Amino acid sequence: MPGQWEFQVGPAVGISAGDELWVARYILERITEIAGIVVSFDPKPIQGDWNGAGAHTNYSTKSMREDGGYEVIKKAIDKLGLKHKEHIAAYGEGNERRLTGRHETADINTFLWGVANRGASIRVGRDTEKAGKGYFEDRRPASNMDPYVVTSMIAETTILWKP
């Protein structure tokens, strides 16, 4: 693609994560307007042999960040795997063009997780595995995702849902 800009929001708690992303998107749109260029939040605005644009979402709970948290993380990931199709359906329009199993993505129909695996649906960092606590990264959301929907689905699935 001609260019991509990666930025981060947070750490944030609850609804403020969504608020911060919407403000960041607004600022990005204003900057590109001033610069006379066009911004797109399409997950694969130009077809080709390159990465698309995702909204990788880092997530943790207090228990995930405490001693023994790695086991909590693995249980949460197992739950996410059971609701994979439901999450994919809400993770952004056009995401099937990005999640092809190539270009550091898992195939949209396959749920995979792994440590330091950039081709997985959910990636756990080596530091998290080594420390036995930390966070995970949901790599499935598209760049055009609704942050309120994504964060609420992850929280509901990992905290409230009983399989």
N, C-alpha and C. Protein backbone atom coordinates (compact mmCIF):
# COMPACT_ATOMS: atom_id res chain seq x y z
N MET A 1 0.85 -1.18 0.00
CA MET A 1 0.00 0.00 0.00
C MET A 1 0.88 1.23 0.00
N PRO A 2 0.37 2.34 -0.49
CA PRO A 2 1.16 3.56 -0.54
C PRO A 2 1.68 3.99 0.83
N GLY A 3 0.93 3.76 1.89
CA GLY A 3 1.40 4.13 3.21
C GLY A 3 0.42 3.73 4.28
N GLN A 4 0.96 3.42 5.43
CA GLN A 4 0.12 3.10 6.58
C GLN A 4 0.67 3.87 7.77
N TRP A 5 -0.23 4.20 8.67
CA TRP A 5 0.18 4.86 9.89
C TRP A 5 -0.33 4.03 11.04
N GLU A 6 0.57 3.62 11.91
CA GLU A 6 0.15 2.86 13.09
C GLU A 6 0.20 3.79 14.29
N PHE A 7 -0.85 3.74 15.08
CA PHE A 7 -0.85 4.51 16.32
C PHE A 7 -1.51 3.71 17.41
N GLN A 8 -1.27 4.13 18.64
CA GLN A 8 -1.80 3.40 19.78
C GLN A 8 -2.60 4.34 20.66
N VAL A 9 -3.61 3.77 21.29
CA VAL A 9 -4.35 4.48 22.32
C VAL A 9 -4.25 3.63 23.59
N GLY A 10 -4.43 4.29 24.72
CA GLY A 10 -4.40 3.56 25.98
C GLY A 10 -3.01 3.52 26.56
N PRO A 11 -2.85 2.78 27.64
CA PRO A 11 -3.86 1.90 28.20
C PRO A 11 -5.08 2.67 28.68
N ALA A 12 -6.20 2.04 28.56
CA ALA A 12 -7.46 2.67 28.93
C ALA A 12 -8.38 1.62 29.55
N VAL A 13 -9.32 2.10 30.32
CA VAL A 13 -10.26 1.22 31.00
C VAL A 13 -11.65 1.41 30.43
N GLY A 14 -12.29 0.31 30.07
CA GLY A 14 -13.69 0.34 29.67
C GLY A 14 -13.96 1.22 28.47
N ILE A 15 -15.01 1.99 28.58
CA ILE A 15 -15.50 2.82 27.48
C ILE A 15 -14.45 3.84 27.03
N SER A 16 -13.56 4.26 27.92
CA SER A 16 -12.57 5.26 27.52
C SER A 16 -11.66 4.76 26.40
N ALA A 17 -11.47 3.45 26.28
CA ALA A 17 -10.67 2.92 25.17
C ALA A 17 -11.32 3.27 23.83
N GLY A 18 -12.62 3.10 23.74
CA GLY A 18 -13.35 3.47 22.52
C GLY A 18 -13.33 4.97 22.29
N ASP A 19 -13.51 5.73 23.36
CA ASP A 19 -13.47 7.19 23.23
C ASP A 19 -12.13 7.65 22.67
N GLU A 20 -11.04 7.10 23.21
CA GLU A 20 -9.71 7.50 22.77
C GLU A 20 -9.47 7.15 21.31
N LEU A 21 -9.96 6.00 20.86
CA LEU A 21 -9.77 5.64 19.46
C LEU A 21 -10.54 6.57 18.54
N TRP A 22 -11.78 6.92 18.91
CA TRP A 22 -12.55 7.85 18.06
C TRP A 22 -11.89 9.22 17.99
N VAL A 23 -11.33 9.69 19.11
CA VAL A 23 -10.62 10.97 19.09
C VAL A 23 -9.37 10.87 18.21
N ALA A 24 -8.64 9.76 18.33
CA ALA A 24 -7.44 9.57 17.51
C ALA A 24 -7.80 9.53 16.03
N ARG A 25 -8.89 8.86 15.68
CA ARG A 25 -9.32 8.82 14.28
C ARG A 25 -9.68 10.22 13.78
N TYR A 26 -10.35 10.99 14.63
CA TYR A 26 -10.72 12.35 14.25
C TYR A 26 -9.46 13.19 13.99
N ILE A 27 -8.49 13.09 14.89
CA ILE A 27 -7.24 13.84 14.71
C ILE A 27 -6.54 13.40 13.42
N LEU A 28 -6.51 12.11 13.16
CA LEU A 28 -5.90 11.61 11.93
C LEU A 28 -6.61 12.16 10.70
N GLU A 29 -7.94 12.19 10.73
CA GLU A 29 -8.68 12.74 9.59
C GLU A 29 -8.39 14.22 9.40
N ARG A 30 -8.28 14.97 10.47
CA ARG A 30 -7.97 16.41 10.37
C ARG A 30 -6.56 16.62 9.80
N ILE A 31 -5.59 15.83 10.29
CA ILE A 31 -4.21 15.97 9.80
C ILE A 31 -4.14 15.66 8.31
N THR A 32 -4.81 14.60 7.88
CA THR A 32 -4.77 14.25 6.46
C THR A 32 -5.51 15.28 5.61
N GLU A 33 -6.56 15.86 6.17
CA GLU A 33 -7.28 16.92 5.45
C GLU A 33 -6.35 18.12 5.24
N ILE A 34 -5.64 18.52 6.28
CA ILE A 34 -4.71 19.64 6.19
C ILE A 34 -3.58 19.34 5.20
N ALA A 35 -3.12 18.09 5.20
CA ALA A 35 -2.02 17.69 4.31
C ALA A 35 -2.48 17.44 2.88
N GLY A 36 -3.78 17.42 2.67
CA GLY A 36 -4.30 17.21 1.32
C GLY A 36 -4.22 15.77 0.84
N ILE A 37 -4.25 14.84 1.78
CA ILE A 37 -4.24 13.43 1.41
C ILE A 37 -5.49 12.76 1.95
N VAL A 38 -5.75 11.56 1.50
CA VAL A 38 -6.97 10.85 1.86
C VAL A 38 -6.62 9.73 2.84
N VAL A 39 -7.43 9.59 3.86
CA VAL A 39 -7.28 8.49 4.81
C VAL A 39 -8.41 7.49 4.57
N SER A 40 -8.09 6.23 4.71
CA SER A 40 -9.10 5.18 4.60
C SER A 40 -8.95 4.25 5.78
N PHE A 41 -10.08 3.85 6.35
CA PHE A 41 -10.07 2.87 7.42
C PHE A 41 -10.47 1.49 6.90
N ASP A 42 -10.53 1.35 5.59
CA ASP A 42 -10.83 0.06 4.96
C ASP A 42 -9.70 -0.92 5.31
N PRO A 43 -10.04 -2.15 5.69
CA PRO A 43 -9.00 -3.10 6.09
C PRO A 43 -8.08 -3.57 4.95
N LYS A 44 -8.49 -3.39 3.72
CA LYS A 44 -7.63 -3.72 2.57
C LYS A 44 -8.05 -2.82 1.42
N PRO A 45 -7.72 -1.53 1.50
CA PRO A 45 -8.21 -0.56 0.52
C PRO A 45 -7.70 -0.79 -0.90
N ILE A 46 -6.53 -1.41 -1.02
CA ILE A 46 -5.96 -1.70 -2.33
C ILE A 46 -5.53 -3.17 -2.31
N GLN A 47 -6.10 -3.95 -3.20
CA GLN A 47 -5.73 -5.37 -3.26
C GLN A 47 -4.28 -5.51 -3.69
N GLY A 48 -3.62 -6.53 -3.18
CA GLY A 48 -2.24 -6.77 -3.56
C GLY A 48 -1.53 -7.65 -2.56
N ASP A 49 -0.27 -7.89 -2.80
CA ASP A 49 0.53 -8.78 -1.98
C ASP A 49 1.19 -8.01 -0.84
N TRP A 50 0.37 -7.52 0.08
CA TRP A 50 0.87 -6.79 1.24
C TRP A 50 -0.15 -6.90 2.37
N ASN A 51 0.28 -6.50 3.54
CA ASN A 51 -0.58 -6.54 4.72
C ASN A 51 -1.75 -5.58 4.55
N GLY A 52 -2.86 -5.95 5.15
CA GLY A 52 -3.98 -5.03 5.24
C GLY A 52 -3.81 -4.16 6.47
N ALA A 53 -4.91 -3.56 6.91
CA ALA A 53 -4.87 -2.66 8.07
C ALA A 53 -5.80 -3.20 9.15
N GLY A 54 -5.22 -3.52 10.27
CA GLY A 54 -6.00 -4.05 11.38
C GLY A 54 -6.05 -3.08 12.54
N ALA A 55 -6.86 -3.42 13.50
CA ALA A 55 -6.93 -2.67 14.76
C ALA A 55 -6.65 -3.67 15.88
N HIS A 56 -5.41 -4.14 15.91
CA HIS A 56 -5.03 -5.14 16.91
C HIS A 56 -5.33 -4.58 18.29
N THR A 57 -5.97 -5.40 19.10
CA THR A 57 -6.49 -4.93 20.38
C THR A 57 -5.82 -5.68 21.52
N ASN A 58 -5.01 -4.97 22.30
CA ASN A 58 -4.37 -5.56 23.48
C ASN A 58 -5.37 -5.54 24.62
N TYR A 59 -5.39 -6.64 25.39
CA TYR A 59 -6.43 -6.79 26.41
C TYR A 59 -5.87 -7.54 27.61
N SER A 60 -6.27 -7.08 28.79
CA SER A 60 -5.96 -7.81 30.02
C SER A 60 -6.98 -7.43 31.08
N THR A 61 -7.06 -8.29 32.08
CA THR A 61 -7.83 -8.01 33.28
C THR A 61 -6.85 -7.99 34.45
N LYS A 62 -7.30 -7.56 35.58
CA LYS A 62 -6.43 -7.53 36.75
C LYS A 62 -5.87 -8.92 37.04
N SER A 63 -6.71 -9.95 36.95
CA SER A 63 -6.24 -11.31 37.24
C SER A 63 -5.22 -11.80 36.22
N MET A 64 -5.28 -11.31 35.00
CA MET A 64 -4.30 -11.68 33.98
C MET A 64 -2.94 -11.06 34.26
N ARG A 65 -2.94 -9.93 34.94
CA ARG A 65 -1.69 -9.22 35.23
C ARG A 65 -1.07 -9.63 36.57
N GLU A 66 -1.77 -10.48 37.32
CA GLU A 66 -1.27 -10.95 38.61
C GLU A 66 -0.57 -12.30 38.44
N ASP A 67 0.16 -12.73 39.48
CA ASP A 67 0.81 -14.04 39.44
C ASP A 67 -0.21 -15.11 39.08
N GLY A 68 0.18 -16.01 38.20
CA GLY A 68 -0.73 -17.05 37.72
C GLY A 68 -1.63 -16.59 36.59
N GLY A 69 -1.44 -15.37 36.14
CA GLY A 69 -2.31 -14.79 35.12
C GLY A 69 -2.25 -15.47 33.77
N TYR A 70 -1.15 -16.16 33.48
CA TYR A 70 -1.05 -16.82 32.18
C TYR A 70 -2.13 -17.89 32.03
N GLU A 71 -2.46 -18.57 33.10
CA GLU A 71 -3.54 -19.58 33.05
C GLU A 71 -4.88 -18.90 32.81
N VAL A 72 -5.09 -17.74 33.39
CA VAL A 72 -6.32 -16.96 33.16
C VAL A 72 -6.38 -16.54 31.69
N ILE A 73 -5.25 -16.11 31.16
CA ILE A 73 -5.18 -15.71 29.74
C ILE A 73 -5.56 -16.88 28.84
N LYS A 74 -5.00 -18.06 29.10
CA LYS A 74 -5.30 -19.22 28.26
C LYS A 74 -6.79 -19.59 28.32
N LYS A 75 -7.40 -19.49 29.48
CA LYS A 75 -8.84 -19.78 29.59
C LYS A 75 -9.65 -18.74 28.81
N ALA A 76 -9.24 -17.49 28.87
CA ALA A 76 -9.94 -16.44 28.12
C ALA A 76 -9.81 -16.68 26.62
N ILE A 77 -8.63 -17.07 26.18
CA ILE A 77 -8.42 -17.34 24.76
C ILE A 77 -9.26 -18.53 24.31
N ASP A 78 -9.36 -19.55 25.14
CA ASP A 78 -10.22 -20.69 24.80
C ASP A 78 -11.66 -20.24 24.59
N LYS A 79 -12.15 -19.35 25.44
CA LYS A 79 -13.51 -18.82 25.28
C LYS A 79 -13.65 -18.04 23.97
N LEU A 80 -12.65 -17.23 23.67
CA LEU A 80 -12.68 -16.47 22.42
C LEU A 80 -12.74 -17.40 21.21
N GLY A 81 -12.04 -18.51 21.29
CA GLY A 81 -12.07 -19.48 20.21
C GLY A 81 -13.45 -20.07 20.00
N LEU A 82 -14.17 -20.29 21.09
CA LEU A 82 -15.52 -20.85 20.99
C LEU A 82 -16.51 -19.87 20.37
N LYS A 83 -16.22 -18.58 20.45
CA LYS A 83 -17.11 -17.56 19.89
C LYS A 83 -16.47 -16.85 18.69
N HIS A 84 -15.54 -17.52 18.05
CA HIS A 84 -14.78 -16.91 16.95
C HIS A 84 -15.68 -16.33 15.87
N LYS A 85 -16.61 -17.10 15.36
CA LYS A 85 -17.45 -16.63 14.26
C LYS A 85 -18.28 -15.42 14.66
N GLU A 86 -18.78 -15.41 15.89
CA GLU A 86 -19.56 -14.28 16.38
C GLU A 86 -18.70 -13.01 16.44
N HIS A 87 -17.48 -13.16 16.90
CA HIS A 87 -16.58 -12.01 16.98
C HIS A 87 -16.22 -11.52 15.57
N ILE A 88 -15.87 -12.43 14.70
CA ILE A 88 -15.50 -12.06 13.32
C ILE A 88 -16.62 -11.26 12.66
N ALA A 89 -17.85 -11.68 12.89
CA ALA A 89 -19.00 -11.00 12.27
C ALA A 89 -19.11 -9.54 12.70
N ALA A 90 -18.56 -9.21 13.87
CA ALA A 90 -18.67 -7.85 14.41
C ALA A 90 -17.36 -7.07 14.37
N TYR A 91 -16.32 -7.65 13.82
CA TYR A 91 -14.98 -7.05 13.91
C TYR A 91 -14.61 -6.16 12.74
N GLY A 92 -15.55 -5.79 11.90
CA GLY A 92 -15.27 -4.84 10.84
C GLY A 92 -15.68 -5.34 9.48
N GLU A 93 -16.19 -4.42 8.69
CA GLU A 93 -16.65 -4.73 7.34
C GLU A 93 -15.46 -4.92 6.39
N GLY A 94 -15.53 -5.94 5.56
CA GLY A 94 -14.47 -6.19 4.58
C GLY A 94 -13.26 -6.92 5.15
N ASN A 95 -13.37 -7.40 6.37
CA ASN A 95 -12.25 -8.04 7.04
C ASN A 95 -11.81 -9.33 6.34
N GLU A 96 -12.72 -9.93 5.57
CA GLU A 96 -12.38 -11.17 4.86
C GLU A 96 -11.30 -10.92 3.80
N ARG A 97 -11.15 -9.69 3.34
CA ARG A 97 -10.10 -9.37 2.38
C ARG A 97 -8.74 -9.26 3.06
N ARG A 98 -8.73 -9.06 4.36
CA ARG A 98 -7.48 -8.92 5.12
C ARG A 98 -7.07 -10.23 5.78
N LEU A 99 -8.03 -10.94 6.37
CA LEU A 99 -7.73 -12.17 7.12
C LEU A 99 -7.71 -13.37 6.18
N THR A 100 -6.61 -13.52 5.47
CA THR A 100 -6.50 -14.53 4.42
C THR A 100 -5.60 -15.70 4.80
N GLY A 101 -4.94 -15.61 5.94
CA GLY A 101 -3.95 -16.61 6.29
C GLY A 101 -2.56 -16.25 5.76
N ARG A 102 -2.47 -15.13 5.09
CA ARG A 102 -1.19 -14.62 4.59
C ARG A 102 -0.95 -13.24 5.21
N HIS A 103 0.22 -12.72 5.02
CA HIS A 103 0.53 -11.36 5.46
C HIS A 103 0.29 -11.16 6.96
N GLU A 104 0.80 -12.07 7.76
CA GLU A 104 0.72 -11.98 9.22
C GLU A 104 -0.72 -11.99 9.73
N THR A 105 -1.56 -12.83 9.12
CA THR A 105 -2.93 -13.00 9.60
C THR A 105 -3.28 -14.48 9.61
N ALA A 106 -4.23 -14.83 10.46
CA ALA A 106 -4.85 -16.15 10.39
C ALA A 106 -5.98 -16.07 9.38
N ASP A 107 -6.35 -17.20 8.80
CA ASP A 107 -7.51 -17.24 7.91
C ASP A 107 -8.76 -16.88 8.71
N ILE A 108 -9.65 -16.13 8.11
CA ILE A 108 -10.85 -15.64 8.79
C ILE A 108 -11.70 -16.77 9.38
N ASN A 109 -11.65 -17.96 8.78
CA ASN A 109 -12.46 -19.08 9.24
C ASN A 109 -11.76 -19.97 10.26
N THR A 110 -10.53 -19.65 10.59
CA THR A 110 -9.73 -20.49 11.48
C THR A 110 -9.30 -19.69 12.70
N PHE A 111 -9.51 -20.25 13.88
CA PHE A 111 -9.05 -19.60 15.11
C PHE A 111 -7.74 -20.25 15.54
N LEU A 112 -6.71 -19.44 15.65
CA LEU A 112 -5.40 -19.90 16.10
C LEU A 112 -4.88 -18.94 17.16
N TRP A 113 -4.14 -19.47 18.11
CA TRP A 113 -3.43 -18.57 19.01
C TRP A 113 -2.03 -19.14 19.24
N GLY A 114 -1.13 -18.26 19.63
CA GLY A 114 0.22 -18.71 19.88
C GLY A 114 1.07 -17.62 20.49
N VAL A 115 2.18 -18.05 21.05
CA VAL A 115 3.14 -17.13 21.64
C VAL A 115 4.02 -16.57 20.53
N ALA A 116 4.08 -15.26 20.46
CA ALA A 116 4.91 -14.55 19.47
C ALA A 116 4.55 -14.93 18.04
N ASN A 117 3.33 -15.37 17.82
CA ASN A 117 2.89 -15.79 16.48
C ASN A 117 2.08 -14.67 15.84
N ARG A 118 2.70 -13.94 14.94
CA ARG A 118 2.03 -12.82 14.28
C ARG A 118 1.03 -13.30 13.23
N GLY A 119 0.99 -14.59 12.95
CA GLY A 119 0.02 -15.15 12.03
C GLY A 119 -1.16 -15.79 12.73
N ALA A 120 -1.31 -15.52 14.02
CA ALA A 120 -2.39 -16.10 14.81
C ALA A 120 -3.54 -15.11 14.97
N SER A 121 -4.70 -15.63 15.32
CA SER A 121 -5.84 -14.78 15.64
C SER A 121 -5.57 -14.01 16.93
N ILE A 122 -5.03 -14.73 17.92
CA ILE A 122 -4.66 -14.15 19.21
C ILE A 122 -3.18 -14.41 19.42
N ARG A 123 -2.45 -13.35 19.71
CA ARG A 123 -1.00 -13.46 19.95
C ARG A 123 -0.71 -13.14 21.41
N VAL A 124 0.06 -14.01 22.04
CA VAL A 124 0.56 -13.76 23.39
C VAL A 124 2.04 -13.44 23.24
N GLY A 125 2.47 -12.37 23.86
CA GLY A 125 3.87 -11.98 23.76
C GLY A 125 4.79 -12.89 24.55
N ARG A 126 6.04 -12.97 24.11
CA ARG A 126 7.02 -13.79 24.84
C ARG A 126 7.21 -13.30 26.27
N ASP A 127 7.16 -11.99 26.47
CA ASP A 127 7.31 -11.44 27.82
C ASP A 127 6.19 -11.92 28.73
N THR A 128 4.97 -11.99 28.19
CA THR A 128 3.84 -12.47 28.98
C THR A 128 4.03 -13.93 29.35
N GLU A 129 4.42 -14.74 28.39
CA GLU A 129 4.65 -16.16 28.67
C GLU A 129 5.75 -16.32 29.72
N LYS A 130 6.84 -15.60 29.55
CA LYS A 130 7.98 -15.72 30.46
C LYS A 130 7.62 -15.28 31.88
N ALA A 131 6.89 -14.17 31.98
CA ALA A 131 6.50 -13.65 33.30
C ALA A 131 5.38 -14.46 33.93
N GLY A 132 4.63 -15.19 33.10
CA GLY A 132 3.48 -15.94 33.62
C GLY A 132 2.28 -15.06 33.88
N LYS A 133 2.30 -13.86 33.32
CA LYS A 133 1.21 -12.90 33.50
C LYS A 133 1.37 -11.79 32.48
N GLY A 134 0.28 -11.06 32.24
CA GLY A 134 0.36 -9.95 31.29
C GLY A 134 -0.91 -9.76 30.50
N TYR A 135 -0.79 -9.75 29.17
CA TYR A 135 -1.94 -9.45 28.31
C TYR A 135 -1.84 -10.28 27.04
N PHE A 136 -2.91 -10.24 26.24
CA PHE A 136 -2.86 -10.83 24.90
C PHE A 136 -3.33 -9.81 23.89
N GLU A 137 -3.07 -10.11 22.62
CA GLU A 137 -3.42 -9.22 21.51
C GLU A 137 -4.40 -9.94 20.60
N ASP A 138 -5.59 -9.38 20.45
CA ASP A 138 -6.56 -9.91 19.48
C ASP A 138 -6.23 -9.24 18.15
N ARG A 139 -5.74 -10.02 17.19
CA ARG A 139 -5.28 -9.49 15.91
C ARG A 139 -6.38 -9.51 14.85
N ARG A 140 -7.59 -9.93 15.22
CA ARG A 140 -8.67 -10.08 14.24
C ARG A 140 -9.39 -8.79 13.88
N PRO A 141 -9.58 -7.83 14.79
CA PRO A 141 -10.35 -6.64 14.42
C PRO A 141 -9.75 -5.87 13.24
N ALA A 142 -10.62 -5.42 12.36
CA ALA A 142 -10.21 -4.63 11.19
C ALA A 142 -10.04 -3.17 11.59
N SER A 143 -9.35 -2.43 10.76
CA SER A 143 -9.09 -1.02 11.04
C SER A 143 -10.37 -0.18 11.11
N ASN A 144 -11.45 -0.65 10.52
CA ASN A 144 -12.72 0.09 10.54
C ASN A 144 -13.67 -0.40 11.63
N MET A 145 -13.16 -1.17 12.56
CA MET A 145 -14.02 -1.73 13.61
C MET A 145 -14.58 -0.64 14.51
N ASP A 146 -15.69 -0.97 15.16
CA ASP A 146 -16.28 -0.10 16.18
C ASP A 146 -15.63 -0.49 17.50
N PRO A 147 -14.84 0.39 18.10
CA PRO A 147 -14.11 0.01 19.31
C PRO A 147 -15.01 -0.33 20.49
N TYR A 148 -16.20 0.26 20.55
CA TYR A 148 -17.11 -0.08 21.64
C TYR A 148 -17.61 -1.51 21.49
N VAL A 149 -17.89 -1.92 20.27
CA VAL A 149 -18.36 -3.29 20.02
C VAL A 149 -17.24 -4.29 20.32
N VAL A 150 -16.05 -4.03 19.81
CA VAL A 150 -14.94 -4.98 19.99
C VAL A 150 -14.58 -5.13 21.46
N THR A 151 -14.40 -4.02 22.17
CA THR A 151 -14.01 -4.13 23.58
C THR A 151 -15.11 -4.77 24.41
N SER A 152 -16.36 -4.46 24.11
CA SER A 152 -17.44 -5.07 24.90
C SER A 152 -17.55 -6.57 24.61
N MET A 153 -17.35 -6.97 23.35
CA MET A 153 -17.41 -8.40 23.03
C MET A 153 -16.28 -9.18 23.69
N ILE A 154 -15.07 -8.63 23.66
CA ILE A 154 -13.95 -9.31 24.30
C ILE A 154 -14.20 -9.44 25.80
N ALA A 155 -14.62 -8.35 26.43
CA ALA A 155 -14.87 -8.39 27.87
C ALA A 155 -16.02 -9.34 28.21
N GLU A 156 -17.11 -9.25 27.47
CA GLU A 156 -18.25 -10.13 27.75
C GLU A 156 -17.87 -11.60 27.59
N THR A 157 -17.16 -11.92 26.53
CA THR A 157 -16.77 -13.31 26.28
C THR A 157 -15.80 -13.82 27.33
N THR A 158 -14.82 -13.03 27.70
CA THR A 158 -13.77 -13.51 28.60
C THR A 158 -14.13 -13.42 30.08
N ILE A 159 -15.03 -12.49 30.44
CA ILE A 159 -15.36 -12.31 31.85
C ILE A 159 -16.72 -12.89 32.21
N LEU A 160 -17.73 -12.58 31.42
CA LEU A 160 -19.11 -12.93 31.80
C LEU A 160 -19.61 -14.25 31.24
N TRP A 161 -19.18 -14.61 30.04
CA TRP A 161 -19.74 -15.77 29.35
C TRP A 161 -19.26 -17.07 29.98
N LYS A 162 -20.21 -17.96 30.22
CA LYS A 162 -19.90 -19.30 30.74
C LYS A 162 -20.23 -20.31 29.65
N PRO A 163 -19.21 -20.95 29.06
CA PRO A 163 -19.49 -21.91 27.97
C PRO A 163 -20.24 -23.15 28.47
